[in-house]
Amino acid sequence: MSKWGYSLNGEDYFGLYDSKEEAIKEGETEAREYEKDSFFVARAITFQPYIYAEDVIEEIQQNAYDNCGEYAETYLDDVQRKHRDELEEKLNEVFSNWINKYGYTPNFYSVEDVETYRLNS
């Protein structure tokens, strides 16, 4: 389900409203309070953290090489795609549970479908 935010300057967006109409109402209220003649409403796209197993494997390979030199040169070079995909799924599941458990979920978003609203005098 889409969420919506509003802005008075087109750059800084506020709120995560369940409907576009709610964002318009709040944007209009704020624009009037701050004596603006227009405001913006946009669809909020919340950031979804994602862990790529390939990046994790590369980091571990580099750590192995840094610690053990050339003996570790080919470590994890032969990981099968299905095993990498499984690792990626598990890492993201654990990370998602962790950020939810401790309140580290993103509280920011990017925007799209921006519309400008002008106030009637």
PDB file of N, CA and C in Angstrom:
ATOM      1  N   MET A   1       0.841  -1.186   0.000  1.00  0.00           N
ATOM      2  CA  MET A   1       0.000   0.000   0.000  1.00  0.00           C
ATOM      3  C   MET A   1       0.883   1.245   0.000  1.00  0.00           C
ATOM      4  N   SER A   2       0.541   2.196  -0.805  1.00  0.00           N
ATOM      5  CA  SER A   2       1.316   3.430  -0.917  1.00  0.00           C
ATOM      6  C   SER A   2       1.153   4.301   0.316  1.00  0.00           C
ATOM      7  N   LYS A   3       2.221   4.990   0.632  1.00  0.00           N
ATOM      8  CA  LYS A   3       2.211   6.023   1.661  1.00  0.00           C
ATOM      9  C   LYS A   3       2.511   7.339   0.956  1.00  0.00           C
ATOM     10  N   TRP A   4       2.139   8.433   1.602  1.00  0.00           N
ATOM     11  CA  TRP A   4       2.268   9.754   0.996  1.00  0.00           C
ATOM     12  C   TRP A   4       2.890  10.730   1.977  1.00  0.00           C
ATOM     13  N   GLY A   5       3.617  11.719   1.459  1.00  0.00           N
ATOM     14  CA  GLY A   5       4.193  12.773   2.276  1.00  0.00           C
ATOM     15  C   GLY A   5       3.955  14.125   1.622  1.00  0.00           C
ATOM     16  N   TYR A   6       4.229  15.191   2.372  1.00  0.00           N
ATOM     17  CA  TYR A   6       4.075  16.547   1.833  1.00  0.00           C
ATOM     18  C   TYR A   6       5.344  17.344   2.099  1.00  0.00           C
ATOM     19  N   SER A   7       5.510  18.411   1.342  1.00  0.00           N
ATOM     20  CA  SER A   7       6.668  19.286   1.484  1.00  0.00           C
ATOM     21  C   SER A   7       6.242  20.725   1.230  1.00  0.00           C
ATOM     22  N   LEU A   8       6.899  21.639   1.915  1.00  0.00           N
ATOM     23  CA  LEU A   8       6.652  23.059   1.667  1.00  0.00           C
ATOM     24  C   LEU A   8       7.674  23.645   0.699  1.00  0.00           C
ATOM     25  N   ASN A   9       8.793  22.925   0.483  1.00  0.00           N
ATOM     26  CA  ASN A   9       9.835  23.456  -0.396  1.00  0.00           C
ATOM     27  C   ASN A   9      10.211  22.522  -1.554  1.00  0.00           C
ATOM     28  N   GLY A  10       9.593  21.374  -1.643  1.00  0.00           N
ATOM     29  CA  GLY A  10       9.891  20.437  -2.717  1.00  0.00           C
ATOM     30  C   GLY A  10      11.111  19.571  -2.474  1.00  0.00           C
ATOM     31  N   GLU A  11      11.746  19.745  -1.320  1.00  0.00           N
ATOM     32  CA  GLU A  11      12.939  18.960  -0.996  1.00  0.00           C
ATOM     33  C   GLU A  11      12.780  18.159   0.289  1.00  0.00           C
ATOM     34  N   ASP A  12      12.266  18.783   1.315  1.00  0.00           N
ATOM     35  CA  ASP A  12      12.118  18.134   2.620  1.00  0.00           C
ATOM     36  C   ASP A  12      10.676  17.677   2.780  1.00  0.00           C
ATOM     37  N   TYR A  13      10.490  16.365   2.847  1.00  0.00           N
ATOM     38  CA  TYR A  13       9.140  15.804   2.942  1.00  0.00           C
ATOM     39  C   TYR A  13       8.869  15.315   4.354  1.00  0.00           C
ATOM     40  N   PHE A  14       7.605  15.429   4.755  1.00  0.00           N
ATOM     41  CA  PHE A  14       7.196  15.062   6.104  1.00  0.00           C
ATOM     42  C   PHE A  14       5.997  14.136   6.059  1.00  0.00           C
ATOM     43  N   GLY A  15       5.884  13.331   7.089  1.00  0.00           N
ATOM     44  CA  GLY A  15       4.723  12.469   7.250  1.00  0.00           C
ATOM     45  C   GLY A  15       4.785  11.220   6.407  1.00  0.00           C
ATOM     46  N   LEU A  16       4.051  10.237   6.850  1.00  0.00           N
ATOM     47  CA  LEU A  16       3.794   9.014   6.085  1.00  0.00           C
ATOM     48  C   LEU A  16       2.312   8.747   6.238  1.00  0.00           C
ATOM     49  N   TYR A  17       1.545   9.253   5.312  1.00  0.00           N
ATOM     50  CA  TYR A  17       0.087   9.168   5.392  1.00  0.00           C
ATOM     51  C   TYR A  17      -0.425   8.007   4.548  1.00  0.00           C
ATOM     52  N   ASP A  18      -1.502   7.406   5.007  1.00  0.00           N
ATOM     53  CA  ASP A  18      -2.079   6.257   4.311  1.00  0.00           C
ATOM     54  C   ASP A  18      -2.759   6.635   3.003  1.00  0.00           C
ATOM     55  N   SER A  19      -3.136   7.891   2.873  1.00  0.00           N
ATOM     56  CA  SER A  19      -3.793   8.306   1.633  1.00  0.00           C
ATOM     57  C   SER A  19      -3.220   9.640   1.155  1.00  0.00           C
ATOM     58  N   LYS A  20      -3.339   9.838  -0.128  1.00  0.00           N
ATOM     59  CA  LYS A  20      -2.913  11.089  -0.739  1.00  0.00           C
ATOM     60  C   LYS A  20      -3.725  12.249  -0.174  1.00  0.00           C
ATOM     61  N   GLU A  21      -5.011  12.005   0.052  1.00  0.00           N
ATOM     62  CA  GLU A  21      -5.895  13.047   0.568  1.00  0.00           C
ATOM     63  C   GLU A  21      -5.445  13.532   1.945  1.00  0.00           C
ATOM     64  N   GLU A  22      -5.003  12.594   2.803  1.00  0.00           N
ATOM     65  CA  GLU A  22      -4.505  12.984   4.129  1.00  0.00           C
ATOM     66  C   GLU A  22      -3.269  13.871   3.997  1.00  0.00           C
ATOM     67  N   ALA A  23      -2.365  13.502   3.087  1.00  0.00           N
ATOM     68  CA  ALA A  23      -1.150  14.293   2.878  1.00  0.00           C
ATOM     69  C   ALA A  23      -1.496  15.678   2.333  1.00  0.00           C
ATOM     70  N   ILE A  24      -2.460  15.744   1.432  1.00  0.00           N
ATOM     71  CA  ILE A  24      -2.895  17.038   0.886  1.00  0.00           C
ATOM     72  C   ILE A  24      -3.458  17.910   2.003  1.00  0.00           C
ATOM     73  N   LYS A  25      -4.297  17.337   2.833  1.00  0.00           N
ATOM     74  CA  LYS A  25      -4.911  18.095   3.932  1.00  0.00           C
ATOM     75  C   LYS A  25      -3.842  18.640   4.879  1.00  0.00           C
ATOM     76  N   GLU A  26      -2.897  17.799   5.262  1.00  0.00           N
ATOM     77  CA  GLU A  26      -1.845  18.239   6.180  1.00  0.00           C
ATOM     78  C   GLU A  26      -0.924  19.255   5.504  1.00  0.00           C
ATOM     79  N   GLY A  27      -0.598  19.027   4.238  1.00  0.00           N
ATOM     80  CA  GLY A  27       0.235  19.971   3.497  1.00  0.00           C
ATOM     81  C   GLY A  27      -0.417  21.335   3.386  1.00  0.00           C
ATOM     82  N   GLU A  28      -1.714  21.341   3.124  1.00  0.00           N
ATOM     83  CA  GLU A  28      -2.446  22.608   3.027  1.00  0.00           C
ATOM     84  C   GLU A  28      -2.445  23.336   4.371  1.00  0.00           C
ATOM     85  N   THR A  29      -2.671  22.608   5.444  1.00  0.00           N
ATOM     86  CA  THR A  29      -2.659  23.206   6.788  1.00  0.00           C
ATOM     87  C   THR A  29      -1.304  23.839   7.084  1.00  0.00           C
ATOM     88  N   GLU A  30      -0.232  23.102   6.816  1.00  0.00           N
ATOM     89  CA  GLU A  30       1.120  23.609   7.072  1.00  0.00           C
ATOM     90  C   GLU A  30       1.447  24.801   6.168  1.00  0.00           C
ATOM     91  N   ALA A  31       1.062  24.719   4.908  1.00  0.00           N
ATOM     92  CA  ALA A  31       1.335  25.821   3.977  1.00  0.00           C
ATOM     93  C   ALA A  31       0.651  27.102   4.445  1.00  0.00           C
ATOM     94  N   ARG A  32      -0.577  26.986   4.905  1.00  0.00           N
ATOM     95  CA  ARG A  32      -1.292  28.167   5.408  1.00  0.00           C
ATOM     96  C   ARG A  32      -0.614  28.708   6.671  1.00  0.00           C
ATOM     97  N   GLU A  33      -0.225  27.800   7.553  1.00  0.00           N
ATOM     98  CA  GLU A  33       0.418  28.222   8.801  1.00  0.00           C
ATOM     99  C   GLU A  33       1.722  28.972   8.528  1.00  0.00           C
ATOM    100  N   TYR A  34       2.473  28.531   7.536  1.00  0.00           N
ATOM    101  CA  TYR A  34       3.758  29.163   7.224  1.00  0.00           C
ATOM    102  C   TYR A  34       3.663  30.170   6.073  1.00  0.00           C
ATOM    103  N   GLU A  35       2.435  30.542   5.729  1.00  0.00           N
ATOM    104  CA  GLU A  35       2.158  31.561   4.724  1.00  0.00           C
ATOM    105  C   GLU A  35       2.827  31.270   3.380  1.00  0.00           C
ATOM    106  N   LYS A  36       2.701  30.040   2.944  1.00  0.00           N
ATOM    107  CA  LYS A  36       3.200  29.620   1.630  1.00  0.00           C
ATOM    108  C   LYS A  36       2.040  29.653   0.647  1.00  0.00           C
ATOM    109  N   ASP A  37       2.341  29.864  -0.624  1.00  0.00           N
ATOM    110  CA  ASP A  37       1.260  29.877  -1.609  1.00  0.00           C
ATOM    111  C   ASP A  37       1.109  28.530  -2.325  1.00  0.00           C
ATOM    112  N   SER A  38       2.019  27.599  -2.021  1.00  0.00           N
ATOM    113  CA  SER A  38       1.909  26.267  -2.611  1.00  0.00           C
ATOM    114  C   SER A  38       2.617  25.246  -1.724  1.00  0.00           C
ATOM    115  N   PHE A  39       2.375  23.985  -2.016  1.00  0.00           N
ATOM    116  CA  PHE A  39       3.044  22.880  -1.323  1.00  0.00           C
ATOM    117  C   PHE A  39       3.079  21.697  -2.273  1.00  0.00           C
ATOM    118  N   PHE A  40       3.795  20.663  -1.887  1.00  0.00           N
ATOM    119  CA  PHE A  40       3.983  19.493  -2.734  1.00  0.00           C
ATOM    120  C   PHE A  40       3.514  18.238  -2.007  1.00  0.00           C
ATOM    121  N   VAL A  41       2.982  17.307  -2.764  1.00  0.00           N
ATOM    122  CA  VAL A  41       2.587  16.003  -2.233  1.00  0.00           C
ATOM    123  C   VAL A  41       3.213  14.952  -3.142  1.00  0.00           C
ATOM    124  N   ALA A  42       3.740  13.888  -2.534  1.00  0.00           N
ATOM    125  CA  ALA A  42       4.397  12.847  -3.326  1.00  0.00           C
ATOM    126  C   ALA A  42       4.206  11.480  -2.684  1.00  0.00           C
ATOM    127  N   ARG A  43       4.333  10.478  -3.519  1.00  0.00           N
ATOM    128  CA  ARG A  43       4.298   9.090  -3.044  1.00  0.00           C
ATOM    129  C   ARG A  43       5.630   8.809  -2.345  1.00  0.00           C
ATOM    130  N   ALA A  44       5.564   8.267  -1.140  1.00  0.00           N
ATOM    131  CA  ALA A  44       6.758   7.956  -0.359  1.00  0.00           C
ATOM    132  C   ALA A  44       7.238   6.541  -0.683  1.00  0.00           C
ATOM    133  N   ILE A  45       8.514   6.428  -1.012  1.00  0.00           N
ATOM    134  CA  ILE A  45       9.126   5.137  -1.292  1.00  0.00           C
ATOM    135  C   ILE A  45      10.105   4.856  -0.155  1.00  0.00           C
ATOM    136  N   THR A  46       9.686   4.010   0.779  1.00  0.00           N
ATOM    137  CA  THR A  46      10.529   3.743   1.941  1.00  0.00           C
ATOM    138  C   THR A  46      11.731   2.893   1.545  1.00  0.00           C
ATOM    139  N   PHE A  47      12.856   3.205   2.137  1.00  0.00           N
ATOM    140  CA  PHE A  47      14.095   2.478   1.880  1.00  0.00           C
ATOM    141  C   PHE A  47      13.977   1.067   2.443  1.00  0.00           C
ATOM    142  N   GLN A  48      14.340   0.097   1.632  1.00  0.00           N
ATOM    143  CA  GLN A  48      14.316  -1.301   2.054  1.00  0.00           C
ATOM    144  C   GLN A  48      15.750  -1.825   2.061  1.00  0.00           C
ATOM    145  N   PRO A  49      16.355  -1.965   3.248  1.00  0.00           N
ATOM    146  CA  PRO A  49      17.724  -2.480   3.300  1.00  0.00           C
ATOM    147  C   PRO A  49      17.793  -3.879   2.693  1.00  0.00           C
ATOM    148  N   TYR A  50      18.879  -4.159   1.996  1.00  0.00           N
ATOM    149  CA  TYR A  50      19.038  -5.468   1.371  1.00  0.00           C
ATOM    150  C   TYR A  50      20.507  -5.859   1.420  1.00  0.00           C
ATOM    151  N   ILE A  51      20.758  -7.087   1.785  1.00  0.00           N
ATOM    152  CA  ILE A  51      22.115  -7.618   1.853  1.00  0.00           C
ATOM    153  C   ILE A  51      22.333  -8.523   0.649  1.00  0.00           C
ATOM    154  N   TYR A  52      23.397  -8.276  -0.083  1.00  0.00           N
ATOM    155  CA  TYR A  52      23.761  -9.109  -1.226  1.00  0.00           C
ATOM    156  C   TYR A  52      24.817 -10.111  -0.782  1.00  0.00           C
ATOM    157  N   ALA A  53      24.504 -11.399  -0.905  1.00  0.00           N
ATOM    158  CA  ALA A  53      25.417 -12.454  -0.469  1.00  0.00           C
ATOM    159  C   ALA A  53      26.757 -12.351  -1.182  1.00  0.00           C
ATOM    160  N   GLU A  54      26.747 -11.971  -2.438  1.00  0.00           N
ATOM    161  CA  GLU A  54      28.003 -11.851  -3.184  1.00  0.00           C
ATOM    162  C   GLU A  54      28.935 -10.836  -2.528  1.00  0.00           C
ATOM    163  N   ASP A  55      28.386  -9.728  -2.040  1.00  0.00           N
ATOM    164  CA  ASP A  55      29.199  -8.725  -1.343  1.00  0.00           C
ATOM    165  C   ASP A  55      29.763  -9.288  -0.043  1.00  0.00           C
ATOM    166  N   VAL A  56      28.954 -10.047   0.681  1.00  0.00           N
ATOM    167  CA  VAL A  56      29.396 -10.644   1.944  1.00  0.00           C
ATOM    168  C   VAL A  56      30.511 -11.649   1.672  1.00  0.00           C
ATOM    169  N   ILE A  57      30.320 -12.481   0.670  1.00  0.00           N
ATOM    170  CA  ILE A  57      31.334 -13.477   0.317  1.00  0.00           C
ATOM    171  C   ILE A  57      32.637 -12.791  -0.087  1.00  0.00           C
ATOM    172  N   GLU A  58      32.557 -11.739  -0.887  1.00  0.00           N
ATOM    173  CA  GLU A  58      33.761 -11.006  -1.294  1.00  0.00           C
ATOM    174  C   GLU A  58      34.482 -10.410  -0.088  1.00  0.00           C
ATOM    175  N   GLU A  59      33.735  -9.890   0.864  1.00  0.00           N
ATOM    176  CA  GLU A  59      34.342  -9.327   2.077  1.00  0.00           C
ATOM    177  C   GLU A  59      35.053 -10.416   2.877  1.00  0.00           C
ATOM    178  N   ILE A  60      34.425 -11.571   2.993  1.00  0.00           N
ATOM    179  CA  ILE A  60      35.041 -12.690   3.714  1.00  0.00           C
ATOM    180  C   ILE A  60      36.284 -13.177   2.968  1.00  0.00           C
ATOM    181  N   GLN A  61      36.219 -13.240   1.643  1.00  0.00           N
ATOM    182  CA  GLN A  61      37.386 -13.634   0.855  1.00  0.00           C
ATOM    183  C   GLN A  61      38.545 -12.661   1.084  1.00  0.00           C
ATOM    184  N   GLN A  62      38.239 -11.381   1.103  1.00  0.00           N
ATOM    185  CA  GLN A  62      39.288 -10.382   1.326  1.00  0.00           C
ATOM    186  C   GLN A  62      39.880 -10.520   2.725  1.00  0.00           C
ATOM    187  N   ASN A  63      39.021 -10.739   3.726  1.00  0.00           N
ATOM    188  CA  ASN A  63      39.507 -10.943   5.093  1.00  0.00           C
ATOM    189  C   ASN A  63      40.396 -12.178   5.174  1.00  0.00           C
ATOM    190  N   ALA A  64      39.986 -13.258   4.505  1.00  0.00           N
ATOM    191  CA  ALA A  64      40.781 -14.491   4.506  1.00  0.00           C
ATOM    192  C   ALA A  64      42.147 -14.236   3.869  1.00  0.00           C
ATOM    193  N   TYR A  65      42.158 -13.527   2.752  1.00  0.00           N
ATOM    194  CA  TYR A  65      43.421 -13.231   2.073  1.00  0.00           C
ATOM    195  C   TYR A  65      44.302 -12.329   2.940  1.00  0.00           C
ATOM    196  N   ASP A  66      43.700 -11.319   3.556  1.00  0.00           N
ATOM    197  CA  ASP A  66      44.462 -10.413   4.420  1.00  0.00           C
ATOM    198  C   ASP A  66      45.104 -11.154   5.587  1.00  0.00           C
ATOM    199  N   ASN A  67      44.412 -12.159   6.108  1.00  0.00           N
ATOM    200  CA  ASN A  67      44.913 -12.899   7.267  1.00  0.00           C
ATOM    201  C   ASN A  67      45.821 -14.071   6.911  1.00  0.00           C
ATOM    202  N   CYS A  68      45.593 -14.693   5.772  1.00  0.00           N
ATOM    203  CA  CYS A  68      46.316 -15.932   5.454  1.00  0.00           C
ATOM    204  C   CYS A  68      47.065 -15.889   4.130  1.00  0.00           C
ATOM    205  N   GLY A  69      47.009 -14.774   3.450  1.00  0.00           N
ATOM    206  CA  GLY A  69      47.767 -14.624   2.212  1.00  0.00           C
ATOM    207  C   GLY A  69      47.276 -15.500   1.083  1.00  0.00           C
ATOM    208  N   GLU A  70      48.219 -15.879   0.212  1.00  0.00           N
ATOM    209  CA  GLU A  70      47.873 -16.589  -1.013  1.00  0.00           C
ATOM    210  C   GLU A  70      47.230 -17.946  -0.778  1.00  0.00           C
ATOM    211  N   TYR A  71      47.370 -18.515   0.399  1.00  0.00           N
ATOM    212  CA  TYR A  71      46.722 -19.795   0.686  1.00  0.00           C
ATOM    213  C   TYR A  71      45.195 -19.665   0.624  1.00  0.00           C
ATOM    214  N   ALA A  72      44.708 -18.469   0.818  1.00  0.00           N
ATOM    215  CA  ALA A  72      43.258 -18.243   0.828  1.00  0.00           C
ATOM    216  C   ALA A  72      42.745 -17.662  -0.492  1.00  0.00           C
ATOM    217  N   GLU A  73      43.604 -17.603  -1.506  1.00  0.00           N
ATOM    218  CA  GLU A  73      43.248 -16.941  -2.764  1.00  0.00           C
ATOM    219  C   GLU A  73      41.960 -17.438  -3.408  1.00  0.00           C
ATOM    220  N   THR A  74      41.685 -18.710  -3.332  1.00  0.00           N
ATOM    221  CA  THR A  74      40.511 -19.263  -4.017  1.00  0.00           C
ATOM    222  C   THR A  74      39.369 -19.606  -3.057  1.00  0.00           C
ATOM    223  N   TYR A  75      39.506 -19.194  -1.807  1.00  0.00           N
ATOM    224  CA  TYR A  75      38.478 -19.515  -0.815  1.00  0.00           C
ATOM    225  C   TYR A  75      37.126 -18.932  -1.242  1.00  0.00           C
ATOM    226  N   LEU A  76      36.131 -19.755  -1.280  1.00  0.00           N
ATOM    227  CA  LEU A  76      34.743 -19.428  -1.633  1.00  0.00           C
ATOM    228  C   LEU A  76      34.560 -19.026  -3.101  1.00  0.00           C
ATOM    229  N   ASP A  77      35.547 -19.298  -3.941  1.00  0.00           N
ATOM    230  CA  ASP A  77      35.394 -19.005  -5.370  1.00  0.00           C
ATOM    231  C   ASP A  77      34.386 -19.927  -6.048  1.00  0.00           C
ATOM    232  N   ASP A  78      34.145 -21.086  -5.461  1.00  0.00           N
ATOM    233  CA  ASP A  78      33.293 -22.084  -6.113  1.00  0.00           C
ATOM    234  C   ASP A  78      31.909 -22.224  -5.467  1.00  0.00           C
ATOM    235  N   VAL A  79      31.450 -21.182  -4.808  1.00  0.00           N
ATOM    236  CA  VAL A  79      30.118 -21.233  -4.195  1.00  0.00           C
ATOM    237  C   VAL A  79      29.071 -21.322  -5.305  1.00  0.00           C
ATOM    238  N   GLN A  80      28.218 -22.316  -5.199  1.00  0.00           N
ATOM    239  CA  GLN A  80      27.168 -22.499  -6.202  1.00  0.00           C
ATOM    240  C   GLN A  80      26.109 -21.407  -6.069  1.00  0.00           C
ATOM    241  N   ARG A  81      25.502 -21.063  -7.184  1.00  0.00           N
ATOM    242  CA  ARG A  81      24.477 -20.011  -7.207  1.00  0.00           C
ATOM    243  C   ARG A  81      23.343 -20.312  -6.228  1.00  0.00           C
ATOM    244  N   LYS A  82      22.855 -21.544  -6.201  1.00  0.00           N
ATOM    245  CA  LYS A  82      21.744 -21.879  -5.305  1.00  0.00           C
ATOM    246  C   LYS A  82      22.155 -21.725  -3.844  1.00  0.00           C
ATOM    247  N   HIS A  83      23.422 -21.981  -3.529  1.00  0.00           N
ATOM    248  CA  HIS A  83      23.899 -21.803  -2.154  1.00  0.00           C
ATOM    249  C   HIS A  83      24.019 -20.318  -1.812  1.00  0.00           C
ATOM    250  N   ARG A  84      24.497 -19.536  -2.794  1.00  0.00           N
ATOM    251  CA  ARG A  84      24.591 -18.086  -2.592  1.00  0.00           C
ATOM    252  C   ARG A  84      23.201 -17.488  -2.414  1.00  0.00           C
ATOM    253  N   ASP A  85      22.242 -17.937  -3.225  1.00  0.00           N
ATOM    254  CA  ASP A  85      20.865 -17.446  -3.112  1.00  0.00           C
ATOM    255  C   ASP A  85      20.265 -17.788  -1.753  1.00  0.00           C
ATOM    256  N   GLU A  86      20.551 -18.984  -1.272  1.00  0.00           N
ATOM    257  CA  GLU A  86      20.062 -19.391   0.052  1.00  0.00           C
ATOM    258  C   GLU A  86      20.672 -18.511   1.140  1.00  0.00           C
ATOM    259  N   LEU A  87      21.983 -18.267   1.049  1.00  0.00           N
ATOM    260  CA  LEU A  87      22.656 -17.402   2.017  1.00  0.00           C
ATOM    261  C   LEU A  87      22.040 -16.009   2.006  1.00  0.00           C
ATOM    262  N   GLU A  88      21.806 -15.470   0.813  1.00  0.00           N
ATOM    263  CA  GLU A  88      21.226 -14.130   0.684  1.00  0.00           C
ATOM    264  C   GLU A  88      19.847 -14.066   1.334  1.00  0.00           C
ATOM    265  N   GLU A  89      19.033 -15.064   1.087  1.00  0.00           N
ATOM    266  CA  GLU A  89      17.694 -15.112   1.679  1.00  0.00           C
ATOM    267  C   GLU A  89      17.770 -15.147   3.202  1.00  0.00           C
ATOM    268  N   LYS A  90      18.645 -15.989   3.741  1.00  0.00           N
ATOM    269  CA  LYS A  90      18.770 -16.122   5.202  1.00  0.00           C
ATOM    270  C   LYS A  90      19.332 -14.847   5.829  1.00  0.00           C
ATOM    271  N   LEU A  91      20.347 -14.253   5.201  1.00  0.00           N
ATOM    272  CA  LEU A  91      20.921 -13.016   5.736  1.00  0.00           C
ATOM    273  C   LEU A  91      19.875 -11.910   5.807  1.00  0.00           C
ATOM    274  N   ASN A  92      19.076 -11.776   4.759  1.00  0.00           N
ATOM    275  CA  ASN A  92      18.050 -10.734   4.737  1.00  0.00           C
ATOM    276  C   ASN A  92      16.936 -11.009   5.733  1.00  0.00           C
ATOM    277  N   GLU A  93      16.603 -12.261   5.922  1.00  0.00           N
ATOM    278  CA  GLU A  93      15.586 -12.624   6.917  1.00  0.00           C
ATOM    279  C   GLU A  93      16.064 -12.262   8.320  1.00  0.00           C
ATOM    280  N   VAL A  94      17.296 -12.637   8.635  1.00  0.00           N
ATOM    281  CA  VAL A  94      17.858 -12.338   9.958  1.00  0.00           C
ATOM    282  C   VAL A  94      17.984 -10.829  10.157  1.00  0.00           C
ATOM    283  N   PHE A  95      18.475 -10.115   9.143  1.00  0.00           N
ATOM    284  CA  PHE A  95      18.647  -8.670   9.262  1.00  0.00           C
ATOM    285  C   PHE A  95      17.311  -7.967   9.450  1.00  0.00           C
ATOM    286  N   SER A  96      16.313  -8.381   8.696  1.00  0.00           N
ATOM    287  CA  SER A  96      14.977  -7.793   8.822  1.00  0.00           C
ATOM    288  C   SER A  96      14.419  -7.998  10.228  1.00  0.00           C
ATOM    289  N   ASN A  97      14.552  -9.193  10.749  1.00  0.00           N
ATOM    290  CA  ASN A  97      14.095  -9.469  12.117  1.00  0.00           C
ATOM    291  C   ASN A  97      14.846  -8.610  13.122  1.00  0.00           C
ATOM    292  N   TRP A  98      16.140  -8.459  12.923  1.00  0.00           N
ATOM    293  CA  TRP A  98      16.981  -7.692  13.839  1.00  0.00           C
ATOM    294  C   TRP A  98      16.594  -6.210  13.845  1.00  0.00           C
ATOM    295  N   ILE A  99      16.433  -5.594  12.656  1.00  0.00           N
ATOM    296  CA  ILE A  99      16.081  -4.166  12.647  1.00  0.00           C
ATOM    297  C   ILE A  99      14.685  -3.937  13.213  1.00  0.00           C
ATOM    298  N   ASN A 100      13.786  -4.879  13.002  1.00  0.00           N
ATOM    299  CA  ASN A 100      12.440  -4.750  13.573  1.00  0.00           C
ATOM    300  C   ASN A 100      12.462  -4.925  15.083  1.00  0.00           C
ATOM    301  N   LYS A 101      13.224  -5.883  15.567  1.00  0.00           N
ATOM    302  CA  LYS A 101      13.295  -6.157  17.008  1.00  0.00           C
ATOM    303  C   LYS A 101      13.843  -4.959  17.786  1.00  0.00           C
ATOM    304  N   TYR A 102      14.872  -4.306  17.252  1.00  0.00           N
ATOM    305  CA  TYR A 102      15.542  -3.241  17.989  1.00  0.00           C
ATOM    306  C   TYR A 102      15.187  -1.831  17.512  1.00  0.00           C
ATOM    307  N   GLY A 103      14.232  -1.720  16.620  1.00  0.00           N
ATOM    308  CA  GLY A 103      13.770  -0.404  16.191  1.00  0.00           C
ATOM    309  C   GLY A 103      14.709   0.327  15.252  1.00  0.00           C
ATOM    310  N   TYR A 104      15.461  -0.404  14.449  1.00  0.00           N
ATOM    311  CA  TYR A 104      16.374   0.217  13.493  1.00  0.00           C
ATOM    312  C   TYR A 104      15.780   0.319  12.089  1.00  0.00           C
ATOM    313  N   THR A 105      14.479   0.193  11.986  1.00  0.00           N
ATOM    314  CA  THR A 105      13.856   0.296  10.666  1.00  0.00           C
ATOM    315  C   THR A 105      14.030   1.718  10.131  1.00  0.00           C
ATOM    316  N   PRO A 106      14.213   1.865   8.834  1.00  0.00           N
ATOM    317  CA  PRO A 106      14.418   3.190   8.248  1.00  0.00           C
ATOM    318  C   PRO A 106      13.227   4.115   8.529  1.00  0.00           C
ATOM    319  N   ASN A 107      13.528   5.353   8.893  1.00  0.00           N
ATOM    320  CA  ASN A 107      12.475   6.343   9.132  1.00  0.00           C
ATOM    321  C   ASN A 107      12.574   7.473   8.108  1.00  0.00           C
ATOM    322  N   PHE A 108      13.018   7.123   6.920  1.00  0.00           N
ATOM    323  CA  PHE A 108      13.195   8.086   5.839  1.00  0.00           C
ATOM    324  C   PHE A 108      12.727   7.438   4.544  1.00  0.00           C
ATOM    325  N   TYR A 109      12.576   8.274   3.535  1.00  0.00           N
ATOM    326  CA  TYR A 109      12.088   7.756   2.261  1.00  0.00           C
ATOM    327  C   TYR A 109      12.464   8.689   1.121  1.00  0.00           C
ATOM    328  N   SER A 110      12.420   8.157  -0.076  1.00  0.00           N
ATOM    329  CA  SER A 110      12.542   8.986  -1.276  1.00  0.00           C
ATOM    330  C   SER A 110      11.126   9.218  -1.796  1.00  0.00           C
ATOM    331  N   VAL A 111      10.990  10.088  -2.776  1.00  0.00           N
ATOM    332  CA  VAL A 111       9.645  10.397  -3.276  1.00  0.00           C
ATOM    333  C   VAL A 111       9.567  10.245  -4.790  1.00  0.00           C
ATOM    334  N   GLU A 112       8.367   9.981  -5.258  1.00  0.00           N
ATOM    335  CA  GLU A 112       8.071   9.969  -6.692  1.00  0.00           C
ATOM    336  C   GLU A 112       6.646  10.453  -6.878  1.00  0.00           C
ATOM    337  N   ASP A 113       6.282  10.694  -8.115  1.00  0.00           N
ATOM    338  CA  ASP A 113       4.938  11.191  -8.446  1.00  0.00           C
ATOM    339  C   ASP A 113       4.623  12.489  -7.699  1.00  0.00           C
ATOM    340  N   VAL A 114       5.556  13.419  -7.730  1.00  0.00           N
ATOM    341  CA  VAL A 114       5.401  14.698  -7.025  1.00  0.00           C
ATOM    342  C   VAL A 114       4.371  15.562  -7.747  1.00  0.00           C
ATOM    343  N   GLU A 115       3.471  16.148  -6.971  1.00  0.00           N
ATOM    344  CA  GLU A 115       2.473  17.076  -7.505  1.00  0.00           C
ATOM    345  C   GLU A 115       2.512  18.365  -6.698  1.00  0.00           C
ATOM    346  N   THR A 116       2.342  19.477  -7.398  1.00  0.00           N
ATOM    347  CA  THR A 116       2.319  20.788  -6.752  1.00  0.00           C
ATOM    348  C   THR A 116       0.871  21.218  -6.565  1.00  0.00           C
ATOM    349  N   TYR A 117       0.581  21.744  -5.383  1.00  0.00           N
ATOM    350  CA  TYR A 117      -0.761  22.255  -5.076  1.00  0.00           C
ATOM    351  C   TYR A 117      -0.647  23.724  -4.713  1.00  0.00           C
ATOM    352  N   ARG A 118      -1.486  24.532  -5.323  1.00  0.00           N
ATOM    353  CA  ARG A 118      -1.515  25.969  -5.047  1.00  0.00           C
ATOM    354  C   ARG A 118      -2.696  26.265  -4.129  1.00  0.00           C
ATOM    355  N   LEU A 119      -2.452  27.155  -3.183  1.00  0.00           N
ATOM    356  CA  LEU A 119      -3.519  27.543  -2.261  1.00  0.00           C
ATOM    357  C   LEU A 119      -4.380  28.629  -2.890  1.00  0.00           C
ATOM    358  N   ASN A 120      -5.651  28.555  -2.612  1.00  0.00           N
ATOM    359  CA  ASN A 120      -6.556  29.635  -3.015  1.00  0.00           C
ATOM    360  C   ASN A 120      -6.441  30.740  -1.985  1.00  0.00           C
ATOM    361  N   SER A 121      -6.349  31.950  -2.435  1.00  0.00           N
ATOM    362  CA  SER A 121      -6.193  33.092  -1.513  1.00  0.00           C
ATOM    363  C   SER A 121      -7.408  33.310  -0.669  1.00  0.00           C
TER     364      SER A 121
END
